[in-house]
Amino acid sequence: MIPSASSDRYEAKMIQEPPDVLIQPDFDLLVKHCMTMHPTAWEDLRLPKDLGKTQ
């Protein structure tokens, strides 16, 4: 499995080396990969969204 974000970054020439193929990755490996290789996307996914609500 090649994570699509990694593949997209390679095809757009944002990274020079082709992404690693993850063989039967478990959830923890995928989380670690996202945290390391895609920190901005990871932060967007894990933080609650501000939907314009005021407290």
N, C-alpha and C. Protein backbone atom coordinates (compact mmCIF):
# COMPACT_ATOMS: atom_id res chain seq x y z
N MET A 1 0.85 -1.17 0.00
CA MET A 1 0.00 0.00 0.00
C MET A 1 0.89 1.24 0.00
N ILE A 2 0.61 2.15 -0.90
CA ILE A 2 1.28 3.45 -0.90
C ILE A 2 0.21 4.48 -0.52
N PRO A 3 0.39 5.15 0.61
CA PRO A 3 -0.61 6.15 1.00
C PRO A 3 -0.79 7.20 -0.11
N SER A 4 -2.03 7.55 -0.39
CA SER A 4 -2.31 8.43 -1.53
C SER A 4 -1.68 9.81 -1.37
N ALA A 5 -1.61 10.34 -0.15
CA ALA A 5 -0.98 11.66 0.03
C ALA A 5 0.50 11.60 -0.36
N SER A 6 1.17 10.51 -0.01
CA SER A 6 2.58 10.36 -0.36
C SER A 6 2.75 10.22 -1.87
N SER A 7 1.90 9.45 -2.48
CA SER A 7 1.96 9.26 -3.92
C SER A 7 1.71 10.58 -4.65
N ASP A 8 0.73 11.34 -4.18
CA ASP A 8 0.42 12.63 -4.78
C ASP A 8 1.61 13.59 -4.66
N ARG A 9 2.26 13.61 -3.51
CA ARG A 9 3.40 14.49 -3.30
C ARG A 9 4.55 14.11 -4.23
N TYR A 10 4.76 12.82 -4.44
CA TYR A 10 5.82 12.35 -5.34
C TYR A 10 5.50 12.74 -6.80
N GLU A 11 4.28 12.50 -7.22
CA GLU A 11 3.88 12.82 -8.59
C GLU A 11 3.96 14.32 -8.86
N ALA A 12 3.72 15.13 -7.84
CA ALA A 12 3.80 16.60 -7.99
C ALA A 12 5.23 17.11 -7.83
N LYS A 13 6.17 16.17 -7.67
CA LYS A 13 7.59 16.48 -7.51
C LYS A 13 7.87 17.32 -6.26
N MET A 14 7.03 17.12 -5.23
CA MET A 14 7.25 17.79 -3.95
C MET A 14 8.29 17.04 -3.13
N ILE A 15 8.44 15.75 -3.41
CA ILE A 15 9.49 14.94 -2.80
C ILE A 15 10.23 14.22 -3.92
N GLN A 16 11.53 14.00 -3.72
CA GLN A 16 12.35 13.41 -4.78
C GLN A 16 12.32 11.89 -4.80
N GLU A 17 12.25 11.28 -3.64
CA GLU A 17 12.27 9.83 -3.55
C GLU A 17 10.85 9.28 -3.59
N PRO A 18 10.63 8.18 -4.29
CA PRO A 18 9.29 7.57 -4.26
C PRO A 18 8.95 7.12 -2.85
N PRO A 19 7.67 7.19 -2.48
CA PRO A 19 7.28 6.80 -1.13
C PRO A 19 7.46 5.30 -0.90
N ASP A 20 7.68 4.96 0.35
CA ASP A 20 7.79 3.55 0.73
C ASP A 20 6.45 2.86 0.56
N VAL A 21 6.51 1.60 0.22
CA VAL A 21 5.31 0.78 0.16
C VAL A 21 5.12 0.20 1.55
N LEU A 22 3.93 0.37 2.09
CA LEU A 22 3.60 -0.16 3.42
C LEU A 22 2.90 -1.50 3.23
N ILE A 23 3.53 -2.56 3.70
CA ILE A 23 2.97 -3.91 3.56
C ILE A 23 2.11 -4.23 4.78
N GLN A 24 0.83 -4.42 4.55
CA GLN A 24 -0.14 -4.73 5.59
C GLN A 24 0.07 -3.87 6.84
N PRO A 25 -0.03 -2.54 6.68
CA PRO A 25 0.22 -1.67 7.83
C PRO A 25 -0.91 -1.78 8.85
N ASP A 26 -0.53 -1.76 10.12
CA ASP A 26 -1.55 -1.72 11.16
C ASP A 26 -1.87 -0.25 11.44
N PHE A 27 -2.85 -0.03 12.27
CA PHE A 27 -3.32 1.33 12.55
C PHE A 27 -2.20 2.19 13.13
N ASP A 28 -1.41 1.64 14.05
CA ASP A 28 -0.34 2.41 14.69
C ASP A 28 0.71 2.85 13.67
N LEU A 29 1.03 2.00 12.73
CA LEU A 29 2.00 2.37 11.69
C LEU A 29 1.46 3.49 10.80
N LEU A 30 0.18 3.41 10.45
CA LEU A 30 -0.42 4.46 9.64
C LEU A 30 -0.45 5.79 10.39
N VAL A 31 -0.75 5.75 11.67
CA VAL A 31 -0.75 6.98 12.48
C VAL A 31 0.65 7.57 12.53
N LYS A 32 1.64 6.72 12.79
CA LYS A 32 3.03 7.19 12.86
C LYS A 32 3.45 7.80 11.51
N HIS A 33 3.07 7.14 10.42
CA HIS A 33 3.39 7.65 9.09
C HIS A 33 2.77 9.03 8.88
N CYS A 34 1.49 9.16 9.22
CA CYS A 34 0.81 10.45 9.04
C CYS A 34 1.45 11.54 9.90
N MET A 35 1.78 11.21 11.13
CA MET A 35 2.38 12.19 12.03
C MET A 35 3.75 12.65 11.52
N THR A 36 4.50 11.73 10.95
CA THR A 36 5.86 12.03 10.50
C THR A 36 5.90 12.67 9.12
N MET A 37 5.18 12.10 8.18
CA MET A 37 5.29 12.53 6.78
C MET A 37 4.27 13.61 6.39
N HIS A 38 3.18 13.70 7.13
CA HIS A 38 2.11 14.63 6.78
C HIS A 38 1.61 15.37 8.02
N PRO A 39 2.51 16.07 8.72
CA PRO A 39 2.12 16.69 10.00
C PRO A 39 0.99 17.71 9.88
N THR A 40 0.96 18.47 8.81
CA THR A 40 -0.11 19.46 8.67
C THR A 40 -1.46 18.78 8.50
N ALA A 41 -1.51 17.78 7.65
CA ALA A 41 -2.76 17.03 7.45
C ALA A 41 -3.16 16.32 8.74
N TRP A 42 -2.19 15.79 9.47
CA TRP A 42 -2.47 15.10 10.72
C TRP A 42 -3.10 16.07 11.72
N GLU A 43 -2.53 17.26 11.84
CA GLU A 43 -3.08 18.25 12.77
C GLU A 43 -4.49 18.65 12.36
N ASP A 44 -4.72 18.79 11.06
CA ASP A 44 -6.06 19.13 10.59
C ASP A 44 -7.07 18.04 10.95
N LEU A 45 -6.65 16.80 10.88
CA LEU A 45 -7.55 15.69 11.17
C LEU A 45 -7.83 15.53 12.67
N ARG A 46 -6.84 15.78 13.49
CA ARG A 46 -7.01 15.48 14.91
C ARG A 46 -7.58 16.63 15.73
N LEU A 47 -7.49 17.86 15.25
CA LEU A 47 -8.01 19.00 16.00
C LEU A 47 -9.48 19.22 15.68
N PRO A 48 -10.25 19.59 16.70
CA PRO A 48 -11.66 19.86 16.42
C PRO A 48 -11.80 21.06 15.48
N LYS A 49 -12.77 21.00 14.65
CA LYS A 49 -12.98 22.06 13.67
C LYS A 49 -13.76 23.21 14.31
N ASP A 50 -13.37 24.42 13.99
CA ASP A 50 -14.10 25.60 14.40
C ASP A 50 -15.15 25.85 13.33
N LEU A 51 -16.38 25.60 13.68
CA LEU A 51 -17.48 25.75 12.71
C LEU A 51 -18.14 27.11 12.83
N GLY A 52 -17.39 28.08 13.32
CA GLY A 52 -17.94 29.43 13.45
C GLY A 52 -18.73 29.62 14.72
N LYS A 53 -18.71 28.63 15.60
CA LYS A 53 -19.44 28.74 16.85
C LYS A 53 -18.65 29.58 17.83
N THR A 54 -19.33 30.41 18.56
CA THR A 54 -18.69 31.18 19.61
C THR A 54 -19.12 30.61 20.95
N GLN A 55 -18.20 30.65 21.89
CA GLN A 55 -18.53 30.08 23.21
C GLN A 55 -18.82 31.15 24.20
